[in-house]
Amino acid sequence: MVNNIKIPVRTCIGCKNKKPKKEMIRIIRTPQGNIEVDETGKKSGRGTYLCYNIECLNMAIRKKILNKSLKQDIPLPILDELRRLFKKYI
């Protein structure tokens, strides 16, 4: 008998490719309005997913997809911090 384990799939907001959830970075807006990288994938808040590719993050920022996805304008200092954090995960 074969185990049919369903692997959660998410879509990158930058390149629109679908990948398993574990192969992506989750960025959330917490209930307090803070923007964070969710390492566990289980934090409370509105989340969005990006590939482990800095170009996907840059595209999401440039086209304001990240703002729309998190339903909040993201201040420039937070975007810079997000880029630094993102490079750490890659």
C-alpha atoms as a PDB file:
ATOM      1  CA  MET A   1       0.000   0.000   0.000  1.00  0.00           C
ATOM      2  CA  VAL A   2       1.346   3.418  -0.972  1.00  0.00           C
ATOM      3  CA  ASN A   3       1.057   6.404   1.380  1.00  0.00           C
ATOM      4  CA  ASN A   4      -0.620   9.301  -0.367  1.00  0.00           C
ATOM      5  CA  ILE A   5       0.799  12.178   1.635  1.00  0.00           C
ATOM      6  CA  LYS A   6      -0.351  15.524   0.346  1.00  0.00           C
ATOM      7  CA  ILE A   7       2.448  18.098   0.170  1.00  0.00           C
ATOM      8  CA  PRO A   8       1.220  21.695   0.601  1.00  0.00           C
ATOM      9  CA  VAL A   9       2.015  23.838  -2.442  1.00  0.00           C
ATOM     10  CA  ARG A  10       2.233  27.639  -2.455  1.00  0.00           C
ATOM     11  CA  THR A  11       2.687  30.242  -5.211  1.00  0.00           C
ATOM     12  CA  CYS A  12       5.572  32.711  -5.212  1.00  0.00           C
ATOM     13  CA  ILE A  13       4.247  36.266  -5.503  1.00  0.00           C
ATOM     14  CA  GLY A  14       7.340  37.273  -7.494  1.00  0.00           C
ATOM     15  CA  CYS A  15       7.665  34.689 -10.269  1.00  0.00           C
ATOM     16  CA  LYS A  16       4.225  33.006  -9.871  1.00  0.00           C
ATOM     17  CA  ASN A  17       5.803  29.521  -9.777  1.00  0.00           C
ATOM     18  CA  LYS A  18       4.218  26.877  -7.557  1.00  0.00           C
ATOM     19  CA  LYS A  19       6.517  25.019  -5.182  1.00  0.00           C
ATOM     20  CA  PRO A  20       6.217  22.943  -2.010  1.00  0.00           C
ATOM     21  CA  LYS A  21       5.636  25.139   1.036  1.00  0.00           C
ATOM     22  CA  LYS A  22       8.912  24.007   2.666  1.00  0.00           C
ATOM     23  CA  GLU A  23      10.911  25.372  -0.311  1.00  0.00           C
ATOM     24  CA  MET A  24       9.645  28.935   0.140  1.00  0.00           C
ATOM     25  CA  ILE A  25      10.048  31.851   2.520  1.00  0.00           C
ATOM     26  CA  ARG A  26       6.932  33.131   4.284  1.00  0.00           C
ATOM     27  CA  ILE A  27       6.637  36.837   4.999  1.00  0.00           C
ATOM     28  CA  ILE A  28       3.873  37.927   7.351  1.00  0.00           C
ATOM     29  CA  ARG A  29       2.104  40.992   8.616  1.00  0.00           C
ATOM     30  CA  THR A  30       1.485  40.358  12.299  1.00  0.00           C
ATOM     31  CA  PRO A  31      -1.799  41.385  13.939  1.00  0.00           C
ATOM     32  CA  GLN A  32       0.164  44.359  15.360  1.00  0.00           C
ATOM     33  CA  GLY A  33       1.113  45.464  11.819  1.00  0.00           C
ATOM     34  CA  ASN A  34       4.792  44.415  11.860  1.00  0.00           C
ATOM     35  CA  ILE A  35       6.385  42.798   8.794  1.00  0.00           C
ATOM     36  CA  GLU A  36       8.449  39.692   9.619  1.00  0.00           C
ATOM     37  CA  VAL A  37      10.000  36.646   8.012  1.00  0.00           C
ATOM     38  CA  ASP A  38       8.218  33.581   9.399  1.00  0.00           C
ATOM     39  CA  GLU A  39      10.843  30.866   9.775  1.00  0.00           C
ATOM     40  CA  THR A  40       8.408  28.304  11.203  1.00  0.00           C
ATOM     41  CA  GLY A  41       5.553  28.928   8.780  1.00  0.00           C
ATOM     42  CA  LYS A  42       3.146  28.869  11.713  1.00  0.00           C
ATOM     43  CA  LYS A  43       3.125  32.417  13.075  1.00  0.00           C
ATOM     44  CA  SER A  44      -0.152  34.234  13.297  1.00  0.00           C
ATOM     45  CA  GLY A  45      -0.789  36.889  10.691  1.00  0.00           C
ATOM     46  CA  ARG A  46      -1.416  37.487   7.011  1.00  0.00           C
ATOM     47  CA  GLY A  47       1.247  35.642   5.046  1.00  0.00           C
ATOM     48  CA  THR A  48       2.688  35.556   1.567  1.00  0.00           C
ATOM     49  CA  TYR A  49       5.331  33.337  -0.002  1.00  0.00           C
ATOM     50  CA  LEU A  50       8.498  33.959  -2.016  1.00  0.00           C
ATOM     51  CA  CYS A  51      11.044  31.653  -3.641  1.00  0.00           C
ATOM     52  CA  TYR A  52      14.570  31.556  -2.260  1.00  0.00           C
ATOM     53  CA  ASN A  53      15.515  34.027  -5.000  1.00  0.00           C
ATOM     54  CA  ILE A  54      16.385  37.663  -4.312  1.00  0.00           C
ATOM     55  CA  GLU A  55      15.017  38.592  -7.761  1.00  0.00           C
ATOM     56  CA  CYS A  56      11.558  37.436  -6.696  1.00  0.00           C
ATOM     57  CA  LEU A  57      11.749  39.706  -3.634  1.00  0.00           C
ATOM     58  CA  ASN A  58      12.983  42.648  -5.737  1.00  0.00           C
ATOM     59  CA  MET A  59      10.174  42.128  -8.264  1.00  0.00           C
ATOM     60  CA  ALA A  60       7.562  41.904  -5.503  1.00  0.00           C
ATOM     61  CA  ILE A  61       8.844  45.177  -4.044  1.00  0.00           C
ATOM     62  CA  ARG A  62       9.273  46.983  -7.377  1.00  0.00           C
ATOM     63  CA  LYS A  63       5.782  46.091  -8.640  1.00  0.00           C
ATOM     64  CA  LYS A  64       4.257  46.655  -5.157  1.00  0.00           C
ATOM     65  CA  ILE A  65       2.974  43.072  -5.126  1.00  0.00           C
ATOM     66  CA  LEU A  66       4.251  42.679  -1.553  1.00  0.00           C
ATOM     67  CA  ASN A  67       2.232  45.732  -0.437  1.00  0.00           C
ATOM     68  CA  LYS A  68      -0.924  44.366  -2.073  1.00  0.00           C
ATOM     69  CA  SER A  69      -0.431  40.861  -0.748  1.00  0.00           C
ATOM     70  CA  LEU A  70       0.094  41.990   2.849  1.00  0.00           C
ATOM     71  CA  LYS A  71      -2.567  44.723   2.487  1.00  0.00           C
ATOM     72  CA  GLN A  72      -0.226  47.357   3.897  1.00  0.00           C
ATOM     73  CA  ASP A  73       2.237  49.924   2.599  1.00  0.00           C
ATOM     74  CA  ILE A  74       5.668  48.771   3.689  1.00  0.00           C
ATOM     75  CA  PRO A  75       8.084  51.545   4.777  1.00  0.00           C
ATOM     76  CA  LEU A  76      11.468  51.735   3.023  1.00  0.00           C
ATOM     77  CA  PRO A  77      13.542  50.899   6.156  1.00  0.00           C
ATOM     78  CA  ILE A  78      11.553  47.683   6.591  1.00  0.00           C
ATOM     79  CA  LEU A  79      12.098  46.789   2.925  1.00  0.00           C
ATOM     80  CA  ASP A  80      15.861  47.262   3.354  1.00  0.00           C
ATOM     81  CA  GLU A  81      15.826  45.106   6.484  1.00  0.00           C
ATOM     82  CA  LEU A  82      13.779  42.487   4.629  1.00  0.00           C
ATOM     83  CA  ARG A  83      16.399  42.382   1.846  1.00  0.00           C
ATOM     84  CA  ARG A  84      19.167  41.853   4.422  1.00  0.00           C
ATOM     85  CA  LEU A  85      17.191  39.115   6.176  1.00  0.00           C
ATOM     86  CA  PHE A  86      16.305  37.513   2.863  1.00  0.00           C
ATOM     87  CA  LYS A  87      19.985  37.250   1.883  1.00  0.00           C
ATOM     88  CA  LYS A  88      20.635  35.478   5.192  1.00  0.00           C
ATOM     89  CA  TYR A  89      18.128  32.725   4.295  1.00  0.00           C
ATOM     90  CA  ILE A  90      19.506  32.129   0.819  1.00  0.00           C
END
